[in-house]
Amino acid sequence: MGKIYVGTASWTDPTLTQSTLFYPSKAMSAEERLRFYASHFNAVEVDSTYYALPAERMVMLQTERTPADFKLSYKAFGALTRHPVDVRRLPKAVKAVMRPSVIEEDRLDFRGVEPEVLDLMFDMFRNALKPADEAGKLGAVLFQFPPYFTYDTENMDYIVKCKEKLPDYDLAIEFRHSSWTTGPNRQETIEFLRSNGLIYTVVDEPQFESGSTAPFIPVTTGNVSYVRFHGRNKEAWFKKGITTAERFAYLYSEEELGELGEEIRVLIKETNATYVLFNNCFQDYGVRNAKMMKAILS
């Protein structure tokens, strides 16, 4: 049986911190909040690193404020997963090597990122995570690719490049386009990840007849399993004008988690470590479901 790590994707969503549904006080400091969270769970997925490149000091503080057996997984910066990012949140070192015309834009599209700029962002991201890695607390680095990142050779090559840029870290790959996980491509995708030492990210999310989301496929491609629960809020999944928290506002029932837990037990037997992380971070839904799953898997 491999080690089981259960937690949430973020512990600082405003719908959670601005209430006392989980935290005993709304006025807790960042340190108090993380220490309290870590007294309940042994893992977390840091999602703030998707919106801005992290600073090494931030990771160092997160490492110092958590127990010895705690695991910190980090979501890759958006520009590294071909998402548009806010230019204003880019570090000065990155802006210094970018074309002036690009800096003037509000949003940076991956097609406008020059190779040397991309390399610099990879370097900064890798170096920032070193405190967690050196302390033995680094879980996986999540590369969640956008829906327009489809199954083709060029995109496979890019995924391999990501691994080459972060060779010492476990990379968990999450696909959001069904071309990777349906039909004959499913097995090809699994074999591709396995042969390149990459983790297939198992996801539970709303399902549509169009196949626009990934199905729940409980498979492992190496020594680590990575499972993310996005909720099943079909009505809000593609709805415009709502917050991220509202999109993931779904509370799993004990029956639903019990069924999914049976599938996860198989992964636990096949790997050295299994991460189970709840991304339904609306109010206390994520922490409530994480506690349920802890009880189920134990």
C-alpha atoms as a PDB file:
ATOM      1  CA  MET A   1       0.000   0.000   0.000  1.00  0.00           C
ATOM      2  CA  GLY A   2       1.377   3.378  -1.008  1.00  0.00           C
ATOM      3  CA  LYS A   3       1.192   6.534   1.079  1.00  0.00           C
ATOM      4  CA  ILE A   4      -2.087   8.470   0.836  1.00  0.00           C
ATOM      5  CA  TYR A   5      -2.146  12.279   0.740  1.00  0.00           C
ATOM      6  CA  VAL A   6      -5.526  14.005   0.943  1.00  0.00           C
ATOM      7  CA  GLY A   7      -6.279  17.710   0.850  1.00  0.00           C
ATOM      8  CA  THR A   8      -7.688  20.557  -1.207  1.00  0.00           C
ATOM      9  CA  ALA A   9      -6.590  22.640  -4.167  1.00  0.00           C
ATOM     10  CA  SER A  10      -6.071  25.927  -2.301  1.00  0.00           C
ATOM     11  CA  TRP A  11      -6.752  26.677   1.341  1.00  0.00           C
ATOM     12  CA  THR A  12      -7.307  30.423   0.895  1.00  0.00           C
ATOM     13  CA  ASP A  13     -10.412  30.814  -1.264  1.00  0.00           C
ATOM     14  CA  PRO A  14     -12.313  33.910  -0.049  1.00  0.00           C
ATOM     15  CA  THR A  15     -15.579  31.969   0.214  1.00  0.00           C
ATOM     16  CA  LEU A  16     -13.818  29.838   2.832  1.00  0.00           C
ATOM     17  CA  THR A  17     -11.566  32.321   4.635  1.00  0.00           C
ATOM     18  CA  GLN A  18     -14.263  34.981   4.970  1.00  0.00           C
ATOM     19  CA  SER A  19     -16.368  32.619   7.045  1.00  0.00           C
ATOM     20  CA  THR A  20     -15.900  30.407  10.104  1.00  0.00           C
ATOM     21  CA  LEU A  21     -17.126  27.250   8.363  1.00  0.00           C
ATOM     22  CA  PHE A  22     -13.646  25.734   8.704  1.00  0.00           C
ATOM     23  CA  TYR A  23     -11.202  28.273  10.117  1.00  0.00           C
ATOM     24  CA  PRO A  24     -11.971  29.350  13.693  1.00  0.00           C
ATOM     25  CA  SER A  25     -11.509  33.045  12.876  1.00  0.00           C
ATOM     26  CA  LYS A  26     -11.755  35.328   9.852  1.00  0.00           C
ATOM     27  CA  ALA A  27      -8.810  37.356  11.166  1.00  0.00           C
ATOM     28  CA  MET A  28      -6.189  34.598  11.090  1.00  0.00           C
ATOM     29  CA  SER A  29      -2.782  35.453   9.648  1.00  0.00           C
ATOM     30  CA  ALA A  30      -1.430  33.605   6.618  1.00  0.00           C
ATOM     31  CA  GLU A  31       0.814  31.550   8.887  1.00  0.00           C
ATOM     32  CA  GLU A  32      -1.963  30.689  11.338  1.00  0.00           C
ATOM     33  CA  ARG A  33      -4.286  29.693   8.528  1.00  0.00           C
ATOM     34  CA  LEU A  34      -1.788  27.323   6.881  1.00  0.00           C
ATOM     35  CA  ARG A  35      -0.781  25.761  10.193  1.00  0.00           C
ATOM     36  CA  PHE A  36      -4.449  25.192  11.042  1.00  0.00           C
ATOM     37  CA  TYR A  37      -5.115  23.654   7.634  1.00  0.00           C
ATOM     38  CA  ALA A  38      -2.062  21.376   7.974  1.00  0.00           C
ATOM     39  CA  SER A  39      -3.355  20.103  11.317  1.00  0.00           C
ATOM     40  CA  HIS A  40      -6.302  18.580   9.428  1.00  0.00           C
ATOM     41  CA  PHE A  41      -4.728  17.406   6.156  1.00  0.00           C
ATOM     42  CA  ASN A  42      -1.346  16.131   4.997  1.00  0.00           C
ATOM     43  CA  ALA A  43      -1.333  17.736   1.535  1.00  0.00           C
ATOM     44  CA  VAL A  44      -2.387  20.806  -0.385  1.00  0.00           C
ATOM     45  CA  GLU A  45      -2.223  21.995  -3.969  1.00  0.00           C
ATOM     46  CA  VAL A  46      -1.010  25.582  -4.214  1.00  0.00           C
ATOM     47  CA  ASP A  47      -2.972  27.255  -7.004  1.00  0.00           C
ATOM     48  CA  SER A  48      -1.643  30.819  -6.645  1.00  0.00           C
ATOM     49  CA  THR A  49       1.407  29.774  -8.684  1.00  0.00           C
ATOM     50  CA  TYR A  50      -0.843  29.436 -11.717  1.00  0.00           C
ATOM     51  CA  TYR A  51      -1.598  33.177 -11.673  1.00  0.00           C
ATOM     52  CA  ALA A  52       1.910  34.442 -10.929  1.00  0.00           C
ATOM     53  CA  LEU A  53       5.406  32.992 -10.844  1.00  0.00           C
ATOM     54  CA  PRO A  54       6.158  32.116  -7.220  1.00  0.00           C
ATOM     55  CA  ALA A  55       8.943  33.618  -5.141  1.00  0.00           C
ATOM     56  CA  GLU A  56      11.370  31.265  -3.433  1.00  0.00           C
ATOM     57  CA  ARG A  57      10.658  32.958  -0.095  1.00  0.00           C
ATOM     58  CA  MET A  58       6.952  32.136  -0.385  1.00  0.00           C
ATOM     59  CA  VAL A  59       7.699  28.448  -0.923  1.00  0.00           C
ATOM     60  CA  MET A  60      10.249  28.504   1.905  1.00  0.00           C
ATOM     61  CA  LEU A  61       7.649  29.908   4.319  1.00  0.00           C
ATOM     62  CA  GLN A  62       5.067  27.329   3.248  1.00  0.00           C
ATOM     63  CA  THR A  63       7.667  24.643   3.821  1.00  0.00           C
ATOM     64  CA  GLU A  64       8.543  25.940   7.291  1.00  0.00           C
ATOM     65  CA  ARG A  65       4.913  26.282   8.379  1.00  0.00           C
ATOM     66  CA  THR A  66       3.885  22.703   7.639  1.00  0.00           C
ATOM     67  CA  PRO A  67       4.664  19.397   9.401  1.00  0.00           C
ATOM     68  CA  ALA A  68       7.536  17.147   8.343  1.00  0.00           C
ATOM     69  CA  ASP A  69       5.269  14.654   6.571  1.00  0.00           C
ATOM     70  CA  PHE A  70       3.225  17.323   4.736  1.00  0.00           C
ATOM     71  CA  LYS A  71       3.283  17.541   0.938  1.00  0.00           C
ATOM     72  CA  LEU A  72       3.026  20.728  -1.132  1.00  0.00           C
ATOM     73  CA  SER A  73       2.016  20.343  -4.754  1.00  0.00           C
ATOM     74  CA  TYR A  74       2.160  23.366  -7.056  1.00  0.00           C
ATOM     75  CA  LYS A  75       0.122  24.307 -10.086  1.00  0.00           C
ATOM     76  CA  ALA A  76       2.366  25.355 -12.969  1.00  0.00           C
ATOM     77  CA  PHE A  77       2.358  29.015 -13.969  1.00  0.00           C
ATOM     78  CA  GLY A  78      -0.231  29.682 -16.676  1.00  0.00           C
ATOM     79  CA  ALA A  79       2.281  30.743 -19.321  1.00  0.00           C
ATOM     80  CA  LEU A  80       4.013  27.366 -18.947  1.00  0.00           C
ATOM     81  CA  THR A  81       0.760  25.551 -19.717  1.00  0.00           C
ATOM     82  CA  ARG A  82      -0.115  27.782 -22.675  1.00  0.00           C
ATOM     83  CA  HIS A  83      -2.735  29.859 -20.927  1.00  0.00           C
ATOM     84  CA  PRO A  84      -2.932  33.648 -21.317  1.00  0.00           C
ATOM     85  CA  VAL A  85      -1.529  35.471 -18.285  1.00  0.00           C
ATOM     86  CA  ASP A  86      -1.746  38.965 -16.853  1.00  0.00           C
ATOM     87  CA  VAL A  87       1.319  40.880 -18.050  1.00  0.00           C
ATOM     88  CA  ARG A  88       1.163  43.145 -15.010  1.00  0.00           C
ATOM     89  CA  ARG A  89       1.889  40.181 -12.731  1.00  0.00           C
ATOM     90  CA  LEU A  90       5.067  39.160 -14.530  1.00  0.00           C
ATOM     91  CA  PRO A  91       8.334  39.672 -12.588  1.00  0.00           C
ATOM     92  CA  LYS A  92      10.642  42.502 -13.621  1.00  0.00           C
ATOM     93  CA  ALA A  93      13.286  39.996 -14.712  1.00  0.00           C
ATOM     94  CA  VAL A  94      10.861  38.537 -17.262  1.00  0.00           C
ATOM     95  CA  LYS A  95       9.671  41.900 -18.529  1.00  0.00           C
ATOM     96  CA  ALA A  96      13.287  42.974 -18.998  1.00  0.00           C
ATOM     97  CA  VAL A  97      13.812  40.387 -21.749  1.00  0.00           C
ATOM     98  CA  MET A  98      10.420  40.732 -23.441  1.00  0.00           C
ATOM     99  CA  ARG A  99       9.666  42.799 -26.507  1.00  0.00           C
ATOM    100  CA  PRO A 100       8.233  46.225 -25.568  1.00  0.00           C
ATOM    101  CA  SER A 101       5.214  45.635 -27.799  1.00  0.00           C
ATOM    102  CA  VAL A 102       4.325  42.514 -25.805  1.00  0.00           C
ATOM    103  CA  ILE A 103       4.663  44.235 -22.428  1.00  0.00           C
ATOM    104  CA  GLU A 104       2.135  46.857 -23.529  1.00  0.00           C
ATOM    105  CA  GLU A 105      -0.551  44.182 -23.886  1.00  0.00           C
ATOM    106  CA  ASP A 106      -2.848  43.377 -20.944  1.00  0.00           C
ATOM    107  CA  ARG A 107      -2.743  39.646 -21.592  1.00  0.00           C
ATOM    108  CA  LEU A 108       0.231  37.570 -22.672  1.00  0.00           C
ATOM    109  CA  ASP A 109      -0.661  34.809 -25.109  1.00  0.00           C
ATOM    110  CA  PHE A 110       1.691  31.818 -25.312  1.00  0.00           C
ATOM    111  CA  ARG A 111       2.194  32.508 -29.031  1.00  0.00           C
ATOM    112  CA  GLY A 112       3.783  35.810 -28.079  1.00  0.00           C
ATOM    113  CA  VAL A 113       6.306  34.262 -25.696  1.00  0.00           C
ATOM    114  CA  GLU A 114       9.770  34.075 -27.192  1.00  0.00           C
ATOM    115  CA  PRO A 115      11.820  30.893 -26.483  1.00  0.00           C
ATOM    116  CA  GLU A 116      14.328  32.657 -24.244  1.00  0.00           C
ATOM    117  CA  VAL A 117      11.516  34.238 -22.228  1.00  0.00           C
ATOM    118  CA  LEU A 118       9.834  30.865 -21.794  1.00  0.00           C
ATOM    119  CA  ASP A 119      13.135  29.318 -20.693  1.00  0.00           C
ATOM    120  CA  LEU A 120      13.585  32.063 -18.112  1.00  0.00           C
ATOM    121  CA  MET A 121      10.106  31.467 -16.687  1.00  0.00           C
ATOM    122  CA  PHE A 122      10.802  27.733 -16.441  1.00  0.00           C
ATOM    123  CA  ASP A 123      14.075  28.461 -14.633  1.00  0.00           C
ATOM    124  CA  MET A 124      12.423  30.854 -12.185  1.00  0.00           C
ATOM    125  CA  PHE A 125       9.597  28.421 -11.497  1.00  0.00           C
ATOM    126  CA  ARG A 126      12.000  25.502 -10.947  1.00  0.00           C
ATOM    127  CA  ASN A 127      14.241  27.492  -8.611  1.00  0.00           C
ATOM    128  CA  ALA A 128      11.321  28.821  -6.569  1.00  0.00           C
ATOM    129  CA  LEU A 129      10.210  25.278  -5.674  1.00  0.00           C
ATOM    130  CA  LYS A 130      13.624  24.216  -4.392  1.00  0.00           C
ATOM    131  CA  PRO A 131      12.907  24.849  -0.671  1.00  0.00           C
ATOM    132  CA  ALA A 132       9.993  22.398  -0.739  1.00  0.00           C
ATOM    133  CA  ASP A 133      11.957  19.880  -2.786  1.00  0.00           C
ATOM    134  CA  GLU A 134      15.049  20.037  -0.563  1.00  0.00           C
ATOM    135  CA  ALA A 135      12.878  19.586   2.529  1.00  0.00           C
ATOM    136  CA  GLY A 136      11.256  16.474   1.024  1.00  0.00           C
ATOM    137  CA  LYS A 137       7.868  18.188   0.991  1.00  0.00           C
ATOM    138  CA  LEU A 138       7.371  18.708  -2.737  1.00  0.00           C
ATOM    139  CA  GLY A 139       4.484  16.632  -4.003  1.00  0.00           C
ATOM    140  CA  ALA A 140       3.811  16.981  -7.724  1.00  0.00           C
ATOM    141  CA  VAL A 141       3.840  19.901 -10.133  1.00  0.00           C
ATOM    142  CA  LEU A 142       0.471  20.062 -11.869  1.00  0.00           C
ATOM    143  CA  PHE A 143       0.447  20.976 -15.554  1.00  0.00           C
ATOM    144  CA  GLN A 144      -3.204  21.616 -16.340  1.00  0.00           C
ATOM    145  CA  PHE A 145      -3.478  22.267 -20.054  1.00  0.00           C
ATOM    146  CA  PRO A 146      -6.333  24.291 -21.604  1.00  0.00           C
ATOM    147  CA  PRO A 147      -9.245  22.866 -23.612  1.00  0.00           C
ATOM    148  CA  TYR A 148      -7.638  24.001 -26.881  1.00  0.00           C
ATOM    149  CA  PHE A 149      -4.518  21.938 -26.134  1.00  0.00           C
ATOM    150  CA  THR A 150      -5.498  18.942 -28.252  1.00  0.00           C
ATOM    151  CA  TYR A 151      -3.995  15.556 -28.981  1.00  0.00           C
ATOM    152  CA  ASP A 152      -1.230  15.983 -31.579  1.00  0.00           C
ATOM    153  CA  THR A 153       2.506  15.467 -32.003  1.00  0.00           C
ATOM    154  CA  GLU A 154       3.424  19.119 -31.492  1.00  0.00           C
ATOM    155  CA  ASN A 155       1.689  19.242 -28.129  1.00  0.00           C
ATOM    156  CA  MET A 156       3.263  15.952 -27.091  1.00  0.00           C
ATOM    157  CA  ASP A 157       6.657  17.423 -27.885  1.00  0.00           C
ATOM    158  CA  TYR A 158       5.857  20.422 -25.710  1.00  0.00           C
ATOM    159  CA  ILE A 159       4.903  18.173 -22.782  1.00  0.00           C
ATOM    160  CA  VAL A 160       8.231  16.385 -23.113  1.00  0.00           C
ATOM    161  CA  LYS A 161       9.953  19.785 -23.096  1.00  0.00           C
ATOM    162  CA  CYS A 162       8.211  20.612 -19.814  1.00  0.00           C
ATOM    163  CA  LYS A 163       9.680  17.478 -18.283  1.00  0.00           C
ATOM    164  CA  GLU A 164      13.119  18.334 -19.635  1.00  0.00           C
ATOM    165  CA  LYS A 165      12.888  21.784 -18.034  1.00  0.00           C
ATOM    166  CA  LEU A 166      11.876  20.324 -14.652  1.00  0.00           C
ATOM    167  CA  PRO A 167      13.730  16.985 -14.676  1.00  0.00           C
ATOM    168  CA  ASP A 168      13.898  16.522 -10.905  1.00  0.00           C
ATOM    169  CA  TYR A 169      10.207  17.072 -10.206  1.00  0.00           C
ATOM    170  CA  ASP A 170       7.173  14.801 -10.590  1.00  0.00           C
ATOM    171  CA  LEU A 171       4.960  16.334 -13.268  1.00  0.00           C
ATOM    172  CA  ALA A 172       1.237  15.572 -13.213  1.00  0.00           C
ATOM    173  CA  ILE A 173      -0.390  16.193 -16.591  1.00  0.00           C
ATOM    174  CA  GLU A 174      -4.072  17.147 -16.721  1.00  0.00           C
ATOM    175  CA  PHE A 175      -5.871  17.244 -20.048  1.00  0.00           C
ATOM    176  CA  ARG A 176      -9.022  19.253 -20.557  1.00  0.00           C
ATOM    177  CA  HIS A 177      -9.777  18.187 -24.112  1.00  0.00           C
ATOM    178  CA  SER A 178     -11.367  14.799 -24.714  1.00  0.00           C
ATOM    179  CA  SER A 179      -9.160  14.046 -27.750  1.00  0.00           C
ATOM    180  CA  TRP A 180      -6.524  12.775 -25.295  1.00  0.00           C
ATOM    181  CA  THR A 181      -8.799  10.394 -23.437  1.00  0.00           C
ATOM    182  CA  THR A 182     -11.345   8.989 -25.898  1.00  0.00           C
ATOM    183  CA  GLY A 183     -11.199   6.418 -28.678  1.00  0.00           C
ATOM    184  CA  PRO A 184      -7.873   4.939 -29.747  1.00  0.00           C
ATOM    185  CA  ASN A 185      -5.978   7.979 -28.431  1.00  0.00           C
ATOM    186  CA  ARG A 186      -6.650   7.001 -24.815  1.00  0.00           C
ATOM    187  CA  GLN A 187      -4.167   4.153 -24.699  1.00  0.00           C
ATOM    188  CA  GLU A 188      -1.661   6.113 -26.783  1.00  0.00           C
ATOM    189  CA  THR A 189      -1.855   8.954 -24.252  1.00  0.00           C
ATOM    190  CA  ILE A 190      -1.326   6.618 -21.318  1.00  0.00           C
ATOM    191  CA  GLU A 191       1.666   4.959 -22.984  1.00  0.00           C
ATOM    192  CA  PHE A 192       3.130   8.340 -23.965  1.00  0.00           C
ATOM    193  CA  LEU A 193       3.005   9.576 -20.375  1.00  0.00           C
ATOM    194  CA  ARG A 194       4.321   6.308 -18.970  1.00  0.00           C
ATOM    195  CA  SER A 195       7.286   6.189 -21.334  1.00  0.00           C
ATOM    196  CA  ASN A 196       8.259   9.771 -20.451  1.00  0.00           C
ATOM    197  CA  GLY A 197       7.993   9.444 -16.683  1.00  0.00           C
ATOM    198  CA  LEU A 198       4.890  11.639 -16.427  1.00  0.00           C
ATOM    199  CA  ILE A 199       1.849  11.277 -14.171  1.00  0.00           C
ATOM    200  CA  TYR A 200      -1.617  10.992 -15.666  1.00  0.00           C
ATOM    201  CA  THR A 201      -3.963  13.204 -13.655  1.00  0.00           C
ATOM    202  CA  VAL A 202      -7.226  11.418 -12.907  1.00  0.00           C
ATOM    203  CA  VAL A 203     -10.117  13.883 -12.807  1.00  0.00           C
ATOM    204  CA  ASP A 204     -13.733  13.787 -11.763  1.00  0.00           C
ATOM    205  CA  GLU A 205     -15.763  16.542 -13.387  1.00  0.00           C
ATOM    206  CA  PRO A 206     -19.104  17.118 -15.157  1.00  0.00           C
ATOM    207  CA  GLN A 207     -19.682  14.960 -18.214  1.00  0.00           C
ATOM    208  CA  PHE A 208     -21.339  16.147 -21.425  1.00  0.00           C
ATOM    209  CA  GLU A 209     -22.497  14.325 -24.539  1.00  0.00           C
ATOM    210  CA  SER A 210     -20.152  16.498 -26.578  1.00  0.00           C
ATOM    211  CA  GLY A 211     -17.166  14.952 -24.811  1.00  0.00           C
ATOM    212  CA  SER A 212     -15.862  18.401 -23.933  1.00  0.00           C
ATOM    213  CA  THR A 213     -14.516  17.232 -20.572  1.00  0.00           C
ATOM    214  CA  ALA A 214     -12.272  14.382 -19.531  1.00  0.00           C
ATOM    215  CA  PRO A 215     -13.850  11.201 -18.144  1.00  0.00           C
ATOM    216  CA  PHE A 216     -12.837   9.600 -14.851  1.00  0.00           C
ATOM    217  CA  ILE A 217     -10.096   7.142 -15.808  1.00  0.00           C
ATOM    218  CA  PRO A 218      -8.460   5.603 -12.721  1.00  0.00           C
ATOM    219  CA  VAL A 219      -5.089   4.644 -14.172  1.00  0.00           C
ATOM    220  CA  THR A 220      -1.507   5.196 -13.127  1.00  0.00           C
ATOM    221  CA  THR A 221       1.497   5.798 -15.355  1.00  0.00           C
ATOM    222  CA  GLY A 222       4.269   5.510 -12.776  1.00  0.00           C
ATOM    223  CA  ASN A 223       5.040   5.419  -9.060  1.00  0.00           C
ATOM    224  CA  VAL A 224       2.733   8.327  -8.217  1.00  0.00           C
ATOM    225  CA  SER A 225      -1.021   8.740  -8.692  1.00  0.00           C
ATOM    226  CA  TYR A 226      -2.682  12.142  -8.801  1.00  0.00           C
ATOM    227  CA  VAL A 227      -6.462  12.545  -8.491  1.00  0.00           C
ATOM    228  CA  ARG A 228      -8.392  15.831  -8.657  1.00  0.00           C
ATOM    229  CA  PHE A 229     -12.066  16.353  -7.864  1.00  0.00           C
ATOM    230  CA  HIS A 230     -13.623  19.312  -9.677  1.00  0.00           C
ATOM    231  CA  GLY A 231     -17.229  18.636  -8.674  1.00  0.00           C
ATOM    232  CA  ARG A 232     -20.144  17.856 -10.984  1.00  0.00           C
ATOM    233  CA  ASN A 233     -21.821  21.235 -11.346  1.00  0.00           C
ATOM    234  CA  LYS A 234     -22.959  20.848 -14.969  1.00  0.00           C
ATOM    235  CA  GLU A 235     -25.136  23.962 -14.929  1.00  0.00           C
ATOM    236  CA  ALA A 236     -22.227  26.243 -14.025  1.00  0.00           C
ATOM    237  CA  TRP A 237     -19.338  24.530 -15.844  1.00  0.00           C
ATOM    238  CA  PHE A 238     -19.565  26.651 -18.994  1.00  0.00           C
ATOM    239  CA  LYS A 239     -21.565  29.509 -17.515  1.00  0.00           C
ATOM    240  CA  LYS A 240     -20.184  32.987 -18.127  1.00  0.00           C
ATOM    241  CA  GLY A 241     -19.999  35.842 -15.661  1.00  0.00           C
ATOM    242  CA  ILE A 242     -19.527  33.727 -12.517  1.00  0.00           C
ATOM    243  CA  THR A 243     -16.587  33.282 -10.175  1.00  0.00           C
ATOM    244  CA  THR A 244     -14.290  30.275 -10.165  1.00  0.00           C
ATOM    245  CA  ALA A 245     -15.673  29.242  -6.783  1.00  0.00           C
ATOM    246  CA  GLU A 246     -19.234  29.295  -8.146  1.00  0.00           C
ATOM    247  CA  ARG A 247     -18.188  27.134 -11.068  1.00  0.00           C
ATOM    248  CA  PHE A 248     -16.891  24.450  -8.714  1.00  0.00           C
ATOM    249  CA  ALA A 249     -19.733  24.728  -6.210  1.00  0.00           C
ATOM    250  CA  TYR A 250     -20.572  21.076  -5.779  1.00  0.00           C
ATOM    251  CA  LEU A 251     -20.672  19.025  -2.596  1.00  0.00           C
ATOM    252  CA  TYR A 252     -20.103  15.310  -3.167  1.00  0.00           C
ATOM    253  CA  SER A 253     -22.307  12.922  -1.234  1.00  0.00           C
ATOM    254  CA  GLU A 254     -20.809  10.158   0.901  1.00  0.00           C
ATOM    255  CA  GLU A 255     -22.245   7.647  -1.546  1.00  0.00           C
ATOM    256  CA  GLU A 256     -20.501   9.310  -4.496  1.00  0.00           C
ATOM    257  CA  LEU A 257     -17.197   9.465  -2.673  1.00  0.00           C
ATOM    258  CA  GLY A 258     -17.575   5.887  -1.506  1.00  0.00           C
ATOM    259  CA  GLU A 259     -17.857   4.695  -5.098  1.00  0.00           C
ATOM    260  CA  LEU A 260     -14.898   6.794  -6.198  1.00  0.00           C
ATOM    261  CA  GLY A 261     -12.898   5.675  -3.189  1.00  0.00           C
ATOM    262  CA  GLU A 262     -13.118   2.078  -4.374  1.00  0.00           C
ATOM    263  CA  GLU A 263     -11.462   3.131  -7.640  1.00  0.00           C
ATOM    264  CA  ILE A 264      -8.779   5.100  -5.813  1.00  0.00           C
ATOM    265  CA  ARG A 265      -7.878   2.119  -3.625  1.00  0.00           C
ATOM    266  CA  VAL A 266      -6.666   0.375  -6.756  1.00  0.00           C
ATOM    267  CA  LEU A 267      -4.296   3.260  -7.485  1.00  0.00           C
ATOM    268  CA  ILE A 268      -3.026   3.216  -3.904  1.00  0.00           C
ATOM    269  CA  LYS A 269      -2.039  -0.441  -4.282  1.00  0.00           C
ATOM    270  CA  GLU A 270      -0.179   0.233  -7.531  1.00  0.00           C
ATOM    271  CA  THR A 271       1.860   3.315  -6.559  1.00  0.00           C
ATOM    272  CA  ASN A 272       4.185   4.567  -3.827  1.00  0.00           C
ATOM    273  CA  ALA A 273       2.122   7.718  -3.275  1.00  0.00           C
ATOM    274  CA  THR A 274      -1.413   8.789  -4.177  1.00  0.00           C
ATOM    275  CA  TYR A 275      -2.560  12.412  -4.015  1.00  0.00           C
ATOM    276  CA  VAL A 276      -6.295  13.034  -3.687  1.00  0.00           C
ATOM    277  CA  LEU A 277      -7.132  16.730  -3.960  1.00  0.00           C
ATOM    278  CA  PHE A 278     -10.488  18.468  -3.965  1.00  0.00           C
ATOM    279  CA  ASN A 279     -10.880  21.479  -6.234  1.00  0.00           C
ATOM    280  CA  ASN A 280     -14.526  22.114  -5.338  1.00  0.00           C
ATOM    281  CA  CYS A 281     -13.332  25.049  -3.251  1.00  0.00           C
ATOM    282  CA  PHE A 282     -16.639  26.805  -2.686  1.00  0.00           C
ATOM    283  CA  GLN A 283     -17.181  27.725   0.976  1.00  0.00           C
ATOM    284  CA  ASP A 284     -16.226  24.593   2.949  1.00  0.00           C
ATOM    285  CA  TYR A 285     -17.226  22.043   0.279  1.00  0.00           C
ATOM    286  CA  GLY A 286     -13.652  21.061  -0.486  1.00  0.00           C
ATOM    287  CA  VAL A 287     -12.547  20.567   3.114  1.00  0.00           C
ATOM    288  CA  ARG A 288     -15.747  18.697   3.994  1.00  0.00           C
ATOM    289  CA  ASN A 289     -15.305  16.308   1.108  1.00  0.00           C
ATOM    290  CA  ALA A 290     -11.586  15.896   1.809  1.00  0.00           C
ATOM    291  CA  LYS A 291     -12.429  14.857   5.379  1.00  0.00           C
ATOM    292  CA  MET A 292     -14.988  12.381   4.035  1.00  0.00           C
ATOM    293  CA  MET A 293     -12.464  10.876   1.648  1.00  0.00           C
ATOM    294  CA  LYS A 294      -9.837  10.594   4.388  1.00  0.00           C
ATOM    295  CA  ALA A 295     -12.274   8.523   6.422  1.00  0.00           C
ATOM    296  CA  ILE A 296     -13.215   6.383   3.415  1.00  0.00           C
ATOM    297  CA  LEU A 297      -9.633   5.607   2.411  1.00  0.00           C
ATOM    298  CA  SER A 298      -8.487   4.945   5.959  1.00  0.00           C
END
